[in-house]
Amino acid sequence: CVDSTPVPGSTSDFVCTCTNGVAATGAPAVCEMDECDMTQRGFAACPAQNCNDPQPAANSQWDWVCSCPGAPTLTRVGAVALCTLNECATPANPCPIGQACVDG
């Protein structure tokens, strides 16, 4: 918080600034922290995965959701999703009819 004119009679001219640059004059700034934004976190929340932060408010942390590319139902809140790929379960089963497919 910075008050550039700290003299009597000069009120509501202070400026509050969040660490991400969001500022407000005469009131607290509404700071947001998108936990999926690498520039704000310093590291990727979901490396090589899809990331969504449903509540980017600064007081709402560890609620981001990682989901697996190609399998959006495989998700995990606040951590990297556990993605697996069963090549036999793909729509185009690589084994012809009459053969069993096992992805080892």
PDB file of N, CA and C in Angstrom:
ATOM      1  N   CYS A   1       0.848  -1.176   0.000  1.00  0.00           N
ATOM      2  CA  CYS A   1       0.000   0.000   0.000  1.00  0.00           C
ATOM      3  C   CYS A   1       0.893   1.238   0.000  1.00  0.00           C
ATOM      4  N   VAL A   2       0.594   2.182  -0.880  1.00  0.00           N
ATOM      5  CA  VAL A   2       1.375   3.408  -0.990  1.00  0.00           C
ATOM      6  C   VAL A   2       0.432   4.604  -0.926  1.00  0.00           C
ATOM      7  N   ASP A   3       0.763   5.561  -0.061  1.00  0.00           N
ATOM      8  CA  ASP A   3       0.004   6.809   0.024  1.00  0.00           C
ATOM      9  C   ASP A   3       0.930   7.917  -0.436  1.00  0.00           C
ATOM     10  N   SER A   4       0.747   8.372  -1.675  1.00  0.00           N
ATOM     11  CA  SER A   4       1.660   9.366  -2.250  1.00  0.00           C
ATOM     12  C   SER A   4       1.467  10.766  -1.674  1.00  0.00           C
ATOM     13  N   THR A   5       0.305  11.030  -1.043  1.00  0.00           N
ATOM     14  CA  THR A   5       0.067  12.336  -0.416  1.00  0.00           C
ATOM     15  C   THR A   5      -0.424  12.146   1.019  1.00  0.00           C
ATOM     16  N   PRO A   6       0.505  11.855   1.937  1.00  0.00           N
ATOM     17  CA  PRO A   6       0.127  11.591   3.331  1.00  0.00           C
ATOM     18  C   PRO A   6      -0.090  12.874   4.146  1.00  0.00           C
ATOM     19  N   VAL A   7      -1.029  13.691   3.718  1.00  0.00           N
ATOM     20  CA  VAL A   7      -1.319  14.943   4.422  1.00  0.00           C
ATOM     21  C   VAL A   7      -2.786  14.967   4.829  1.00  0.00           C
ATOM     22  N   PRO A   8      -3.123  15.694   5.912  1.00  0.00           N
ATOM     23  CA  PRO A   8      -4.527  15.787   6.312  1.00  0.00           C
ATOM     24  C   PRO A   8      -5.379  16.354   5.176  1.00  0.00           C
ATOM     25  N   GLY A   9      -6.552  15.823   5.022  1.00  0.00           N
ATOM     26  CA  GLY A   9      -7.456  16.279   3.966  1.00  0.00           C
ATOM     27  C   GLY A   9      -7.311  15.505   2.669  1.00  0.00           C
ATOM     28  N   SER A  10      -6.228  14.770   2.550  1.00  0.00           N
ATOM     29  CA  SER A  10      -6.021  13.959   1.345  1.00  0.00           C
ATOM     30  C   SER A  10      -6.316  12.514   1.706  1.00  0.00           C
ATOM     31  N   THR A  11      -7.577  12.123   1.482  1.00  0.00           N
ATOM     32  CA  THR A  11      -7.972  10.771   1.857  1.00  0.00           C
ATOM     33  C   THR A  11      -8.390   9.962   0.627  1.00  0.00           C
ATOM     34  N   SER A  12      -8.369   8.683   0.809  1.00  0.00           N
ATOM     35  CA  SER A  12      -8.776   7.723  -0.235  1.00  0.00           C
ATOM     36  C   SER A  12      -7.969   7.839  -1.517  1.00  0.00           C
ATOM     37  N   ASP A  13      -6.717   8.294  -1.386  1.00  0.00           N
ATOM     38  CA  ASP A  13      -5.866   8.353  -2.578  1.00  0.00           C
ATOM     39  C   ASP A  13      -4.710   7.353  -2.507  1.00  0.00           C
ATOM     40  N   PHE A  14      -4.751   6.489  -1.493  1.00  0.00           N
ATOM     41  CA  PHE A  14      -3.723   5.461  -1.383  1.00  0.00           C
ATOM     42  C   PHE A  14      -3.946   4.413  -2.476  1.00  0.00           C
ATOM     43  N   VAL A  15      -2.893   3.698  -2.815  1.00  0.00           N
ATOM     44  CA  VAL A  15      -2.961   2.674  -3.858  1.00  0.00           C
ATOM     45  C   VAL A  15      -2.442   1.354  -3.299  1.00  0.00           C
ATOM     46  N   CYS A  16      -3.273   0.321  -3.400  1.00  0.00           N
ATOM     47  CA  CYS A  16      -2.863  -1.034  -3.040  1.00  0.00           C
ATOM     48  C   CYS A  16      -2.556  -1.786  -4.324  1.00  0.00           C
ATOM     49  N   THR A  17      -1.427  -2.487  -4.350  1.00  0.00           N
ATOM     50  CA  THR A  17      -1.017  -3.210  -5.553  1.00  0.00           C
ATOM     51  C   THR A  17      -0.678  -4.653  -5.211  1.00  0.00           C
ATOM     52  N   CYS A  18      -1.249  -5.574  -5.973  1.00  0.00           N
ATOM     53  CA  CYS A  18      -0.947  -7.005  -5.819  1.00  0.00           C
ATOM     54  C   CYS A  18       0.409  -7.302  -6.447  1.00  0.00           C
ATOM     55  N   THR A  19       0.990  -8.414  -6.072  1.00  0.00           N
ATOM     56  CA  THR A  19       2.282  -8.784  -6.639  1.00  0.00           C
ATOM     57  C   THR A  19       2.205  -9.059  -8.136  1.00  0.00           C
ATOM     58  N   ASN A  20       0.981  -9.350  -8.659  1.00  0.00           N
ATOM     59  CA  ASN A  20       0.839  -9.588 -10.100  1.00  0.00           C
ATOM     60  C   ASN A  20       0.500  -8.302 -10.862  1.00  0.00           C
ATOM     61  N   GLY A  21       0.534  -7.137 -10.180  1.00  0.00           N
ATOM     62  CA  GLY A  21       0.339  -5.855 -10.854  1.00  0.00           C
ATOM     63  C   GLY A  21      -1.063  -5.279 -10.768  1.00  0.00           C
ATOM     64  N   VAL A  22      -2.043  -6.043 -10.325  1.00  0.00           N
ATOM     65  CA  VAL A  22      -3.408  -5.533 -10.180  1.00  0.00           C
ATOM     66  C   VAL A  22      -3.410  -4.503  -9.059  1.00  0.00           C
ATOM     67  N   ALA A  23      -4.005  -3.312  -9.324  1.00  0.00           N
ATOM     68  CA  ALA A  23      -3.987  -2.229  -8.346  1.00  0.00           C
ATOM     69  C   ALA A  23      -5.382  -1.644  -8.153  1.00  0.00           C
ATOM     70  N   ALA A  24      -5.574  -1.003  -7.003  1.00  0.00           N
ATOM     71  CA  ALA A  24      -6.823  -0.304  -6.707  1.00  0.00           C
ATOM     72  C   ALA A  24      -6.485   0.951  -5.915  1.00  0.00           C
ATOM     73  N   THR A  25      -7.217   2.024  -6.191  1.00  0.00           N
ATOM     74  CA  THR A  25      -7.026   3.284  -5.479  1.00  0.00           C
ATOM     75  C   THR A  25      -8.130   3.451  -4.444  1.00  0.00           C
ATOM     76  N   GLY A  26      -7.740   3.716  -3.212  1.00  0.00           N
ATOM     77  CA  GLY A  26      -8.690   3.975  -2.143  1.00  0.00           C
ATOM     78  C   GLY A  26      -9.350   2.743  -1.566  1.00  0.00           C
ATOM     79  N   ALA A  27      -8.881   1.579  -1.927  1.00  0.00           N
ATOM     80  CA  ALA A  27      -9.468   0.333  -1.429  1.00  0.00           C
ATOM     81  C   ALA A  27      -8.469  -0.805  -1.642  1.00  0.00           C
ATOM     82  N   PRO A  28      -8.682  -1.912  -0.955  1.00  0.00           N
ATOM     83  CA  PRO A  28      -7.804  -3.067  -1.200  1.00  0.00           C
ATOM     84  C   PRO A  28      -7.965  -3.582  -2.631  1.00  0.00           C
ATOM     85  N   ALA A  29      -6.884  -3.982  -3.229  1.00  0.00           N
ATOM     86  CA  ALA A  29      -6.935  -4.569  -4.571  1.00  0.00           C
ATOM     87  C   ALA A  29      -7.439  -6.002  -4.476  1.00  0.00           C
ATOM     88  N   VAL A  30      -8.124  -6.449  -5.509  1.00  0.00           N
ATOM     89  CA  VAL A  30      -8.591  -7.838  -5.568  1.00  0.00           C
ATOM     90  C   VAL A  30      -7.513  -8.634  -6.295  1.00  0.00           C
ATOM     91  N   CYS A  31      -6.726  -9.331  -5.522  1.00  0.00           N
ATOM     92  CA  CYS A  31      -5.591 -10.071  -6.085  1.00  0.00           C
ATOM     93  C   CYS A  31      -6.045 -11.453  -6.526  1.00  0.00           C
ATOM     94  N   GLU A  32      -5.591 -11.863  -7.688  1.00  0.00           N
ATOM     95  CA  GLU A  32      -5.880 -13.198  -8.187  1.00  0.00           C
ATOM     96  C   GLU A  32      -4.582 -13.944  -8.400  1.00  0.00           C
ATOM     97  N   MET A  33      -4.662 -15.244  -8.254  1.00  0.00           N
ATOM     98  CA  MET A  33      -3.518 -16.098  -8.542  1.00  0.00           C
ATOM     99  C   MET A  33      -4.022 -17.315  -9.295  1.00  0.00           C
ATOM    100  N   ASP A  34      -3.808 -17.300 -10.598  1.00  0.00           N
ATOM    101  CA  ASP A  34      -4.174 -18.455 -11.414  1.00  0.00           C
ATOM    102  C   ASP A  34      -3.088 -19.501 -11.206  1.00  0.00           C
ATOM    103  N   GLU A  35      -3.421 -20.560 -10.491  1.00  0.00           N
ATOM    104  CA  GLU A  35      -2.423 -21.571 -10.155  1.00  0.00           C
ATOM    105  C   GLU A  35      -1.935 -22.354 -11.367  1.00  0.00           C
ATOM    106  N   CYS A  36      -2.603 -22.211 -12.496  1.00  0.00           N
ATOM    107  CA  CYS A  36      -2.155 -22.865 -13.726  1.00  0.00           C
ATOM    108  C   CYS A  36      -1.169 -21.998 -14.500  1.00  0.00           C
ATOM    109  N   ASP A  37      -1.035 -20.738 -14.118  1.00  0.00           N
ATOM    110  CA  ASP A  37      -0.157 -19.800 -14.818  1.00  0.00           C
ATOM    111  C   ASP A  37       1.269 -19.964 -14.307  1.00  0.00           C
ATOM    112  N   MET A  38       2.143 -20.506 -15.159  1.00  0.00           N
ATOM    113  CA  MET A  38       3.530 -20.762 -14.756  1.00  0.00           C
ATOM    114  C   MET A  38       4.258 -19.505 -14.320  1.00  0.00           C
ATOM    115  N   THR A  39       3.924 -18.349 -14.925  1.00  0.00           N
ATOM    116  CA  THR A  39       4.636 -17.125 -14.565  1.00  0.00           C
ATOM    117  C   THR A  39       4.296 -16.690 -13.142  1.00  0.00           C
ATOM    118  N   GLN A  40       3.112 -17.061 -12.639  1.00  0.00           N
ATOM    119  CA  GLN A  40       2.746 -16.720 -11.264  1.00  0.00           C
ATOM    120  C   GLN A  40       3.267 -17.755 -10.267  1.00  0.00           C
ATOM    121  N   ARG A  41       3.310 -19.035 -10.673  1.00  0.00           N
ATOM    122  CA  ARG A  41       3.726 -20.112  -9.769  1.00  0.00           C
ATOM    123  C   ARG A  41       5.235 -20.342  -9.782  1.00  0.00           C
ATOM    124  N   GLY A  42       5.854 -20.144 -10.931  1.00  0.00           N
ATOM    125  CA  GLY A  42       7.274 -20.441 -11.070  1.00  0.00           C
ATOM    126  C   GLY A  42       7.534 -21.850 -11.571  1.00  0.00           C
ATOM    127  N   PHE A  43       6.481 -22.667 -11.665  1.00  0.00           N
ATOM    128  CA  PHE A  43       6.607 -24.021 -12.217  1.00  0.00           C
ATOM    129  C   PHE A  43       5.249 -24.441 -12.755  1.00  0.00           C
ATOM    130  N   ALA A  44       5.243 -25.460 -13.599  1.00  0.00           N
ATOM    131  CA  ALA A  44       3.993 -25.928 -14.192  1.00  0.00           C
ATOM    132  C   ALA A  44       3.224 -26.785 -13.190  1.00  0.00           C
ATOM    133  N   ALA A  45       1.955 -26.448 -12.977  1.00  0.00           N
ATOM    134  CA  ALA A  45       1.118 -27.223 -12.056  1.00  0.00           C
ATOM    135  C   ALA A  45       0.804 -28.591 -12.641  1.00  0.00           C
ATOM    136  N   CYS A  46       0.611 -28.637 -13.959  1.00  0.00           N
ATOM    137  CA  CYS A  46       0.238 -29.882 -14.646  1.00  0.00           C
ATOM    138  C   CYS A  46       1.115 -30.053 -15.884  1.00  0.00           C
ATOM    139  N   PRO A  47       2.370 -30.450 -15.732  1.00  0.00           N
ATOM    140  CA  PRO A  47       3.230 -30.568 -16.907  1.00  0.00           C
ATOM    141  C   PRO A  47       2.670 -31.565 -17.924  1.00  0.00           C
ATOM    142  N   ALA A  48       2.578 -31.141 -19.185  1.00  0.00           N
ATOM    143  CA  ALA A  48       2.095 -31.949 -20.318  1.00  0.00           C
ATOM    144  C   ALA A  48       0.647 -32.398 -20.130  1.00  0.00           C
ATOM    145  N   GLN A  49      -0.105 -31.698 -19.291  1.00  0.00           N
ATOM    146  CA  GLN A  49      -1.519 -32.008 -19.071  1.00  0.00           C
ATOM    147  C   GLN A  49      -2.335 -30.721 -19.184  1.00  0.00           C
ATOM    148  N   ASN A  50      -3.636 -30.856 -19.200  1.00  0.00           N
ATOM    149  CA  ASN A  50      -4.517 -29.695 -19.212  1.00  0.00           C
ATOM    150  C   ASN A  50      -4.722 -29.232 -17.770  1.00  0.00           C
ATOM    151  N   CYS A  51      -4.740 -27.908 -17.583  1.00  0.00           N
ATOM    152  CA  CYS A  51      -4.864 -27.357 -16.241  1.00  0.00           C
ATOM    153  C   CYS A  51      -5.993 -26.342 -16.210  1.00  0.00           C
ATOM    154  N   ASN A  52      -6.791 -26.379 -15.142  1.00  0.00           N
ATOM    155  CA  ASN A  52      -7.874 -25.424 -14.957  1.00  0.00           C
ATOM    156  C   ASN A  52      -7.927 -25.022 -13.484  1.00  0.00           C
ATOM    157  N   ASP A  53      -7.927 -23.719 -13.238  1.00  0.00           N
ATOM    158  CA  ASP A  53      -8.060 -23.207 -11.876  1.00  0.00           C
ATOM    159  C   ASP A  53      -9.459 -22.609 -11.751  1.00  0.00           C
ATOM    160  N   PRO A  54     -10.417 -23.333 -11.141  1.00  0.00           N
ATOM    161  CA  PRO A  54     -11.795 -22.861 -11.109  1.00  0.00           C
ATOM    162  C   PRO A  54     -12.006 -21.619 -10.248  1.00  0.00           C
ATOM    163  N   GLN A  55     -11.148 -21.381  -9.277  1.00  0.00           N
ATOM    164  CA  GLN A  55     -11.251 -20.214  -8.397  1.00  0.00           C
ATOM    165  C   GLN A  55      -9.883 -19.548  -8.320  1.00  0.00           C
ATOM    166  N   PRO A  56      -9.593 -18.568  -9.190  1.00  0.00           N
ATOM    167  CA  PRO A  56      -8.261 -17.963  -9.173  1.00  0.00           C
ATOM    168  C   PRO A  56      -8.052 -16.905  -8.087  1.00  0.00           C
ATOM    169  N   ALA A  57      -8.928 -16.838  -7.098  1.00  0.00           N
ATOM    170  CA  ALA A  57      -8.746 -15.880  -6.006  1.00  0.00           C
ATOM    171  C   ALA A  57      -7.498 -16.240  -5.210  1.00  0.00           C
ATOM    172  N   ALA A  58      -6.819 -15.229  -4.695  1.00  0.00           N
ATOM    173  CA  ALA A  58      -5.578 -15.457  -3.958  1.00  0.00           C
ATOM    174  C   ALA A  58      -5.794 -16.303  -2.707  1.00  0.00           C
ATOM    175  N   ASN A  59      -6.994 -16.257  -2.138  1.00  0.00           N
ATOM    176  CA  ASN A  59      -7.249 -17.048  -0.928  1.00  0.00           C
ATOM    177  C   ASN A  59      -7.789 -18.441  -1.234  1.00  0.00           C
ATOM    178  N   SER A  60      -7.847 -18.813  -2.499  1.00  0.00           N
ATOM    179  CA  SER A  60      -8.304 -20.141  -2.902  1.00  0.00           C
ATOM    180  C   SER A  60      -7.146 -20.856  -3.587  1.00  0.00           C
ATOM    181  N   GLN A  61      -6.430 -21.659  -2.821  1.00  0.00           N
ATOM    182  CA  GLN A  61      -5.254 -22.322  -3.369  1.00  0.00           C
ATOM    183  C   GLN A  61      -5.385 -23.837  -3.260  1.00  0.00           C
ATOM    184  N   TRP A  62      -4.599 -24.540  -4.060  1.00  0.00           N
ATOM    185  CA  TRP A  62      -4.567 -25.996  -4.149  1.00  0.00           C
ATOM    186  C   TRP A  62      -5.891 -26.569  -4.672  1.00  0.00           C
ATOM    187  N   ASP A  63      -6.596 -25.766  -5.514  1.00  0.00           N
ATOM    188  CA  ASP A  63      -7.863 -26.245  -6.077  1.00  0.00           C
ATOM    189  C   ASP A  63      -7.799 -26.415  -7.586  1.00  0.00           C
ATOM    190  N   TRP A  64      -6.595 -26.264  -8.172  1.00  0.00           N
ATOM    191  CA  TRP A  64      -6.503 -26.431  -9.623  1.00  0.00           C
ATOM    192  C   TRP A  64      -6.780 -27.886  -9.975  1.00  0.00           C
ATOM    193  N   VAL A  65      -7.190 -28.109 -11.239  1.00  0.00           N
ATOM    194  CA  VAL A  65      -7.533 -29.459 -11.692  1.00  0.00           C
ATOM    195  C   VAL A  65      -6.673 -29.809 -12.899  1.00  0.00           C
ATOM    196  N   CYS A  66      -5.935 -30.894 -12.789  1.00  0.00           N
ATOM    197  CA  CYS A  66      -5.153 -31.418 -13.909  1.00  0.00           C
ATOM    198  C   CYS A  66      -5.978 -32.513 -14.575  1.00  0.00           C
ATOM    199  N   SER A  67      -5.984 -32.512 -15.907  1.00  0.00           N
ATOM    200  CA  SER A  67      -6.662 -33.595 -16.627  1.00  0.00           C
ATOM    201  C   SER A  67      -5.751 -34.102 -17.743  1.00  0.00           C
ATOM    202  N   CYS A  68      -5.937 -35.362 -18.064  1.00  0.00           N
ATOM    203  CA  CYS A  68      -5.080 -36.020 -19.048  1.00  0.00           C
ATOM    204  C   CYS A  68      -5.502 -35.659 -20.469  1.00  0.00           C
ATOM    205  N   PRO A  69      -4.550 -35.323 -21.331  1.00  0.00           N
ATOM    206  CA  PRO A  69      -4.886 -35.060 -22.729  1.00  0.00           C
ATOM    207  C   PRO A  69      -5.476 -36.322 -23.361  1.00  0.00           C
ATOM    208  N   GLY A  70      -6.579 -36.181 -24.046  1.00  0.00           N
ATOM    209  CA  GLY A  70      -7.214 -37.324 -24.687  1.00  0.00           C
ATOM    210  C   GLY A  70      -8.076 -38.150 -23.751  1.00  0.00           C
ATOM    211  N   ALA A  71      -8.012 -37.865 -22.459  1.00  0.00           N
ATOM    212  CA  ALA A  71      -8.832 -38.588 -21.471  1.00  0.00           C
ATOM    213  C   ALA A  71      -9.271 -37.595 -20.393  1.00  0.00           C
ATOM    214  N   PRO A  72     -10.133 -36.644 -20.757  1.00  0.00           N
ATOM    215  CA  PRO A  72     -10.491 -35.572 -19.824  1.00  0.00           C
ATOM    216  C   PRO A  72     -11.188 -36.027 -18.554  1.00  0.00           C
ATOM    217  N   THR A  73     -11.640 -37.294 -18.500  1.00  0.00           N
ATOM    218  CA  THR A  73     -12.275 -37.766 -17.274  1.00  0.00           C
ATOM    219  C   THR A  73     -11.246 -38.209 -16.230  1.00  0.00           C
ATOM    220  N   LEU A  74      -9.994 -38.396 -16.658  1.00  0.00           N
ATOM    221  CA  LEU A  74      -8.931 -38.708 -15.703  1.00  0.00           C
ATOM    222  C   LEU A  74      -8.406 -37.392 -15.161  1.00  0.00           C
ATOM    223  N   THR A  75      -8.807 -37.045 -13.941  1.00  0.00           N
ATOM    224  CA  THR A  75      -8.440 -35.760 -13.348  1.00  0.00           C
ATOM    225  C   THR A  75      -7.904 -35.949 -11.938  1.00  0.00           C
ATOM    226  N   ARG A  76      -7.303 -34.876 -11.446  1.00  0.00           N
ATOM    227  CA  ARG A  76      -6.832 -34.854 -10.066  1.00  0.00           C
ATOM    228  C   ARG A  76      -6.805 -33.404  -9.610  1.00  0.00           C
ATOM    229  N   VAL A  77      -7.276 -33.138  -8.417  1.00  0.00           N
ATOM    230  CA  VAL A  77      -7.326 -31.782  -7.869  1.00  0.00           C
ATOM    231  C   VAL A  77      -6.052 -31.514  -7.072  1.00  0.00           C
ATOM    232  N   GLY A  78      -5.395 -30.397  -7.381  1.00  0.00           N
ATOM    233  CA  GLY A  78      -4.220 -29.974  -6.628  1.00  0.00           C
ATOM    234  C   GLY A  78      -2.967 -30.773  -6.867  1.00  0.00           C
ATOM    235  N   ALA A  79      -2.946 -31.604  -7.894  1.00  0.00           N
ATOM    236  CA  ALA A  79      -1.769 -32.421  -8.192  1.00  0.00           C
ATOM    237  C   ALA A  79      -1.845 -32.915  -9.637  1.00  0.00           C
ATOM    238  N   VAL A  80      -0.745 -33.442 -10.117  1.00  0.00           N
ATOM    239  CA  VAL A  80      -0.687 -33.983 -11.471  1.00  0.00           C
ATOM    240  C   VAL A  80      -1.599 -35.202 -11.563  1.00  0.00           C
ATOM    241  N   ALA A  81      -2.392 -35.284 -12.639  1.00  0.00           N
ATOM    242  CA  ALA A  81      -3.293 -36.425 -12.845  1.00  0.00           C
ATOM    243  C   ALA A  81      -2.490 -37.676 -13.163  1.00  0.00           C
ATOM    244  N   LEU A  82      -3.037 -38.810 -12.803  1.00  0.00           N
ATOM    245  CA  LEU A  82      -2.391 -40.087 -13.089  1.00  0.00           C
ATOM    246  C   LEU A  82      -2.951 -40.601 -14.406  1.00  0.00           C
ATOM    247  N   CYS A  83      -2.219 -40.357 -15.483  1.00  0.00           N
ATOM    248  CA  CYS A  83      -2.675 -40.705 -16.826  1.00  0.00           C
ATOM    249  C   CYS A  83      -2.109 -42.057 -17.250  1.00  0.00           C
ATOM    250  N   THR A  84      -2.969 -42.879 -17.791  1.00  0.00           N
ATOM    251  CA  THR A  84      -2.528 -44.157 -18.353  1.00  0.00           C
ATOM    252  C   THR A  84      -3.096 -44.262 -19.762  1.00  0.00           C
ATOM    253  N   LEU A  85      -2.449 -45.026 -20.583  1.00  0.00           N
ATOM    254  CA  LEU A  85      -2.910 -45.227 -21.947  1.00  0.00           C
ATOM    255  C   LEU A  85      -2.920 -46.717 -22.234  1.00  0.00           C
ATOM    256  N   ASN A  86      -4.107 -47.259 -22.362  1.00  0.00           N
ATOM    257  CA  ASN A  86      -4.249 -48.658 -22.736  1.00  0.00           C
ATOM    258  C   ASN A  86      -4.464 -48.680 -24.242  1.00  0.00           C
ATOM    259  N   GLU A  87      -3.449 -49.073 -24.983  1.00  0.00           N
ATOM    260  CA  GLU A  87      -3.536 -49.058 -26.443  1.00  0.00           C
ATOM    261  C   GLU A  87      -4.586 -50.023 -26.971  1.00  0.00           C
ATOM    262  N   CYS A  88      -4.957 -51.035 -26.196  1.00  0.00           N
ATOM    263  CA  CYS A  88      -5.977 -51.993 -26.622  1.00  0.00           C
ATOM    264  C   CYS A  88      -7.385 -51.417 -26.487  1.00  0.00           C
ATOM    265  N   ALA A  89      -7.543 -50.405 -25.648  1.00  0.00           N
ATOM    266  CA  ALA A  89      -8.867 -49.841 -25.405  1.00  0.00           C
ATOM    267  C   ALA A  89      -9.193 -48.705 -26.371  1.00  0.00           C
ATOM    268  N   THR A  90      -8.294 -48.418 -27.272  1.00  0.00           N
ATOM    269  CA  THR A  90      -8.553 -47.338 -28.227  1.00  0.00           C
ATOM    270  C   THR A  90      -9.641 -47.776 -29.200  1.00  0.00           C
ATOM    271  N   PRO A  91     -10.343 -46.813 -29.797  1.00  0.00           N
ATOM    272  CA  PRO A  91     -11.400 -47.181 -30.751  1.00  0.00           C
ATOM    273  C   PRO A  91     -10.898 -48.070 -31.897  1.00  0.00           C
ATOM    274  N   ALA A  92      -9.663 -47.884 -32.277  1.00  0.00           N
ATOM    275  CA  ALA A  92      -9.108 -48.713 -33.359  1.00  0.00           C
ATOM    276  C   ALA A  92      -8.204 -49.776 -32.740  1.00  0.00           C
ATOM    277  N   ASN A  93      -8.793 -50.841 -32.186  1.00  0.00           N
ATOM    278  CA  ASN A  93      -8.033 -51.926 -31.580  1.00  0.00           C
ATOM    279  C   ASN A  93      -7.019 -52.440 -32.611  1.00  0.00           C
ATOM    280  N   PRO A  94      -5.731 -52.473 -32.259  1.00  0.00           N
ATOM    281  CA  PRO A  94      -4.709 -52.864 -33.234  1.00  0.00           C
ATOM    282  C   PRO A  94      -4.713 -54.349 -33.596  1.00  0.00           C
ATOM    283  N   CYS A  95      -5.396 -55.172 -32.816  1.00  0.00           N
ATOM    284  CA  CYS A  95      -5.404 -56.610 -33.090  1.00  0.00           C
ATOM    285  C   CYS A  95      -6.666 -56.974 -33.877  1.00  0.00           C
ATOM    286  N   PRO A  96      -6.526 -57.786 -34.916  1.00  0.00           N
ATOM    287  CA  PRO A  96      -7.696 -58.177 -35.703  1.00  0.00           C
ATOM    288  C   PRO A  96      -8.626 -59.101 -34.906  1.00  0.00           C
ATOM    289  N   ILE A  97      -9.828 -59.278 -35.407  1.00  0.00           N
ATOM    290  CA  ILE A  97     -10.821 -60.147 -34.773  1.00  0.00           C
ATOM    291  C   ILE A  97     -10.218 -61.546 -34.614  1.00  0.00           C
ATOM    292  N   GLY A  98     -10.444 -62.129 -33.448  1.00  0.00           N
ATOM    293  CA  GLY A  98      -9.918 -63.471 -33.178  1.00  0.00           C
ATOM    294  C   GLY A  98      -8.607 -63.445 -32.420  1.00  0.00           C
ATOM    295  N   GLN A  99      -8.049 -62.255 -32.204  1.00  0.00           N
ATOM    296  CA  GLN A  99      -6.795 -62.152 -31.462  1.00  0.00           C
ATOM    297  C   GLN A  99      -7.042 -61.340 -30.174  1.00  0.00           C
ATOM    298  N   ALA A 100      -6.337 -61.695 -29.129  1.00  0.00           N
ATOM    299  CA  ALA A 100      -6.447 -60.964 -27.878  1.00  0.00           C
ATOM    300  C   ALA A 100      -5.403 -59.859 -27.844  1.00  0.00           C
ATOM    301  N   CYS A 101      -5.787 -58.727 -27.328  1.00  0.00           N
ATOM    302  CA  CYS A 101      -4.868 -57.601 -27.223  1.00  0.00           C
ATOM    303  C   CYS A 101      -4.513 -57.403 -25.754  1.00  0.00           C
ATOM    304  N   VAL A 102      -3.229 -57.366 -25.438  1.00  0.00           N
ATOM    305  CA  VAL A 102      -2.760 -57.112 -24.077  1.00  0.00           C
ATOM    306  C   VAL A 102      -1.710 -56.019 -24.167  1.00  0.00           C
ATOM    307  N   ASP A 103      -1.951 -54.927 -23.477  1.00  0.00           N
ATOM    308  CA  ASP A 103      -0.995 -53.814 -23.452  1.00  0.00           C
ATOM    309  C   ASP A 103      -0.142 -53.982 -22.201  1.00  0.00           C
ATOM    310  N   GLY A 104       1.073 -54.462 -22.387  1.00  0.00           N
ATOM    311  CA  GLY A 104       1.928 -54.815 -21.276  1.00  0.00           C
ATOM    312  C   GLY A 104       2.768 -53.727 -20.792  1.00  0.00           C
TER     313      GLY A 104
END
